[in-house]
Amino acid sequence: MSLVQPSAAPRVGSLQDGPGAPSIADAGEFIRVKSDGTALEFAPVSIRSIVPLVSGTCATDFTQGVLQLGDLSFSTADYPTGCSFYFAVVLQCSDAGVTARARLWNATDDELVTDCSLTHTGDTAATLVLSTQLTQGAAAGNLQDTTHMYAVRLDVSAGGADATDVATMTQAYLLVTRS
């Protein structure tokens, strides 16, 4: 993984290809989340790095339970002081009554990263979901400052009854920003 130093130009990437698809792009000093042509400004930050956790379409149905995906070796100490970290996923549900859930999982310590249980409910459009800023450090539940293995856990967390109730995730990323 190459690091982007604070003086370097921000790296940007797309969470999903295709016109009108949810994506993250660096637009000047703001993260803008685009969905069906609508841009939302979240914060005055500059994207420093987009670290892929899972690429490609993954799906699980209610009967399959939790699907664990990805295998990323990551440490916040590899980034300059002052960086902030966010978990972002693109989720889609098979119907309006289903809730798709993606969780960032610290596989090394076998625990959920705090504030990283992201859900999408209510429609079948692919939707970008962004976490709040993740807490860094050595305490349980934090995004660790030493090298740990991370994965994404995908499941149908509500509204499921059978194999026709499906949660789909097309991309999962850790966003590294610097104000």
Protein backbone atom coordinates (compact mmCIF):
# COMPACT_ATOMS: atom_id res chain seq x y z
CA MET A 1 0.00 0.00 0.00
CA SER A 2 1.51 3.32 -0.99
CA LEU A 3 1.08 6.26 1.34
CA VAL A 4 0.10 9.72 0.22
CA GLN A 5 2.02 12.39 2.10
CA PRO A 6 0.11 15.53 3.22
CA SER A 7 1.80 17.66 0.54
CA ALA A 8 0.82 15.30 -2.29
CA ALA A 9 -2.30 15.64 -4.39
CA PRO A 10 -5.27 13.63 -3.08
CA ARG A 11 -5.99 10.22 -4.59
CA VAL A 12 -9.59 9.65 -5.57
CA GLY A 13 -11.52 6.63 -6.68
CA SER A 14 -14.97 5.48 -7.60
CA LEU A 15 -16.98 3.20 -5.35
CA GLN A 16 -18.94 1.86 -8.28
CA ASP A 17 -18.57 2.37 -12.02
CA GLY A 18 -21.31 3.51 -14.38
CA PRO A 19 -23.39 6.63 -14.88
CA GLY A 20 -25.48 7.64 -11.87
CA ALA A 21 -23.85 5.01 -9.63
CA PRO A 22 -22.96 6.02 -6.07
CA SER A 23 -19.37 7.22 -5.88
CA ILE A 24 -17.00 9.23 -3.76
CA ALA A 25 -15.01 11.98 -5.43
CA ASP A 26 -12.82 14.73 -4.11
CA ALA A 27 -14.43 18.00 -5.19
CA GLY A 28 -12.18 20.78 -3.99
CA GLU A 29 -12.31 20.85 -0.20
CA PHE A 30 -15.38 18.63 0.27
CA ILE A 31 -16.26 14.95 0.10
CA ARG A 32 -19.29 14.77 -2.14
CA VAL A 33 -21.42 11.64 -2.23
CA LYS A 34 -23.22 11.31 -5.54
CA SER A 35 -26.35 9.22 -5.94
CA ASP A 36 -28.58 9.62 -8.99
CA GLY A 37 -26.94 12.95 -9.82
CA THR A 38 -27.47 14.48 -6.37
CA ALA A 39 -24.37 15.67 -4.52
CA LEU A 40 -24.24 15.93 -0.74
CA GLU A 41 -21.43 17.72 1.07
CA PHE A 42 -20.27 16.00 4.26
CA ALA A 43 -17.27 17.91 5.58
CA PRO A 44 -14.45 20.24 4.54
CA VAL A 45 -11.79 17.56 4.07
CA SER A 46 -9.39 16.37 1.43
CA ILE A 47 -9.32 12.68 0.55
CA ARG A 48 -5.79 11.36 1.03
CA SER A 49 -6.32 7.69 0.23
CA ILE A 50 -9.08 5.22 -0.57
CA VAL A 51 -8.17 1.76 0.73
CA PRO A 52 -10.26 -1.01 -0.87
CA LEU A 53 -11.57 -3.72 1.44
CA VAL A 54 -13.85 -5.56 -1.00
CA SER A 55 -14.20 -5.08 -4.77
CA GLY A 56 -16.88 -6.66 -6.90
CA THR A 57 -20.43 -7.73 -6.17
CA CYS A 58 -21.07 -9.91 -3.10
CA ALA A 59 -24.46 -11.07 -1.91
CA THR A 60 -25.97 -13.14 0.87
CA ASP A 61 -29.55 -14.07 1.59
CA PHE A 62 -31.42 -14.42 4.85
CA THR A 63 -30.91 -18.20 5.00
CA GLN A 64 -27.11 -18.00 4.49
CA GLY A 65 -26.46 -15.81 7.51
CA VAL A 66 -23.29 -13.73 7.76
CA LEU A 67 -20.82 -13.67 4.86
CA GLN A 68 -17.25 -12.58 5.75
CA LEU A 69 -15.35 -10.89 2.90
CA GLY A 70 -11.96 -9.35 2.32
CA ASP A 71 -8.60 -9.68 3.99
CA LEU A 72 -6.84 -6.36 4.58
CA SER A 73 -3.70 -5.81 6.65
CA PHE A 74 -4.04 -2.25 7.98
CA SER A 75 -2.62 0.11 10.62
CA THR A 76 -3.49 3.76 11.26
CA ALA A 77 0.18 4.31 12.19
CA ASP A 78 1.05 3.97 8.48
CA TYR A 79 -0.62 7.36 7.86
CA PRO A 80 0.48 10.87 8.84
CA THR A 81 -0.69 12.42 12.12
CA GLY A 82 -3.98 14.25 11.70
CA CYS A 83 -5.61 11.78 9.31
CA SER A 84 -9.19 10.66 9.92
CA PHE A 85 -10.65 7.30 8.92
CA TYR A 86 -14.15 6.36 7.70
CA PHE A 87 -15.79 3.09 6.60
CA ALA A 88 -17.83 3.32 3.38
CA VAL A 89 -19.93 0.69 1.58
CA VAL A 90 -22.37 0.51 -1.31
CA LEU A 91 -25.36 -1.59 -0.23
CA GLN A 92 -28.49 -2.78 -2.03
CA CYS A 93 -31.55 -4.72 -0.86
CA SER A 94 -33.65 -7.20 -2.82
CA ASP A 95 -36.89 -5.49 -1.74
CA ALA A 96 -38.19 -2.62 0.40
CA GLY A 97 -38.72 -4.77 3.49
CA VAL A 98 -35.11 -5.95 3.76
CA THR A 99 -32.22 -4.35 5.70
CA ALA A 100 -28.73 -4.95 4.33
CA ARG A 101 -25.94 -4.63 6.90
CA ALA A 102 -22.16 -4.39 6.43
CA ARG A 103 -19.82 -4.35 9.44
CA LEU A 104 -16.10 -3.66 9.59
CA TRP A 105 -14.58 -6.59 11.46
CA ASN A 106 -11.19 -6.70 13.19
CA ALA A 107 -10.33 -10.31 12.32
CA THR A 108 -7.12 -10.28 14.38
CA ASP A 109 -8.96 -9.58 17.66
CA ASP A 110 -12.29 -11.11 16.51
CA GLU A 111 -14.32 -7.96 17.24
CA LEU A 112 -16.50 -5.35 15.58
CA VAL A 113 -14.90 -1.95 14.96
CA THR A 114 -17.00 0.59 16.91
CA ASP A 115 -19.51 2.62 14.82
CA CYS A 116 -18.92 0.39 11.79
CA SER A 117 -22.26 -1.38 11.52
CA LEU A 118 -23.74 0.28 8.42
CA THR A 119 -27.24 -0.49 7.17
CA HIS A 120 -29.48 0.30 4.21
CA THR A 121 -33.24 -0.27 4.34
CA GLY A 122 -36.23 0.66 2.27
CA ASP A 123 -35.44 0.55 -1.42
CA THR A 124 -33.62 -1.52 -4.00
CA ALA A 125 -31.28 1.18 -5.33
CA ALA A 126 -27.55 0.80 -4.68
CA THR A 127 -26.82 3.29 -1.89
CA LEU A 128 -23.55 4.62 -0.51
CA VAL A 129 -23.43 4.46 3.31
CA LEU A 130 -20.65 6.29 5.20
CA SER A 131 -19.69 5.81 8.86
CA THR A 132 -18.91 8.53 11.33
CA GLN A 133 -15.23 9.17 11.98
CA LEU A 134 -13.61 6.03 13.41
CA THR A 135 -11.78 6.10 16.73
CA GLN A 136 -8.11 5.18 16.46
CA GLY A 137 -5.92 3.53 19.07
CA ALA A 138 -5.11 0.33 20.94
CA ALA A 139 -8.40 -0.02 22.88
CA ALA A 140 -10.92 -2.72 21.97
CA GLY A 141 -13.26 -1.66 19.18
CA ASN A 142 -10.90 0.99 17.78
CA LEU A 143 -9.29 1.05 14.37
CA GLN A 144 -5.91 -0.18 15.55
CA ASP A 145 -2.61 1.70 15.43
CA THR A 146 -0.69 -1.57 14.96
CA THR A 147 -1.07 -3.90 12.00
CA HIS A 148 -4.29 -5.94 12.17
CA MET A 149 -6.31 -7.93 9.66
CA TYR A 150 -9.74 -6.50 8.73
CA ALA A 151 -12.72 -7.95 6.87
CA VAL A 152 -16.29 -6.94 6.06
CA ARG A 153 -19.26 -8.94 7.35
CA LEU A 154 -22.40 -8.75 5.19
CA ASP A 155 -25.84 -9.99 6.16
CA VAL A 156 -29.60 -9.42 6.02
CA SER A 157 -30.10 -7.95 9.48
CA ALA A 158 -33.88 -7.37 9.39
CA GLY A 159 -36.94 -8.10 7.30
CA GLY A 160 -35.61 -11.41 6.06
CA ALA A 161 -37.66 -14.57 5.89
CA ASP A 162 -36.17 -16.72 3.13
CA ALA A 163 -33.63 -17.03 0.30
CA THR A 164 -35.38 -14.33 -1.77
CA ASP A 165 -34.40 -11.66 0.80
CA VAL A 166 -30.91 -10.64 -0.35
CA ALA A 167 -28.33 -8.06 0.78
CA THR A 168 -25.82 -7.02 -1.90
CA MET A 169 -22.58 -5.08 -1.44
CA THR A 170 -20.67 -3.87 -4.50
CA GLN A 171 -17.77 -2.07 -2.80
CA ALA A 172 -16.30 -1.46 0.67
CA TYR A 173 -13.55 1.04 1.49
CA LEU A 174 -11.66 2.74 4.26
CA LEU A 175 -11.44 6.45 3.46
CA VAL A 176 -8.44 8.34 4.79
CA THR A 177 -8.94 12.10 5.01
CA ARG A 178 -7.07 15.09 6.30
CA SER A 179 -8.73 18.39 7.22
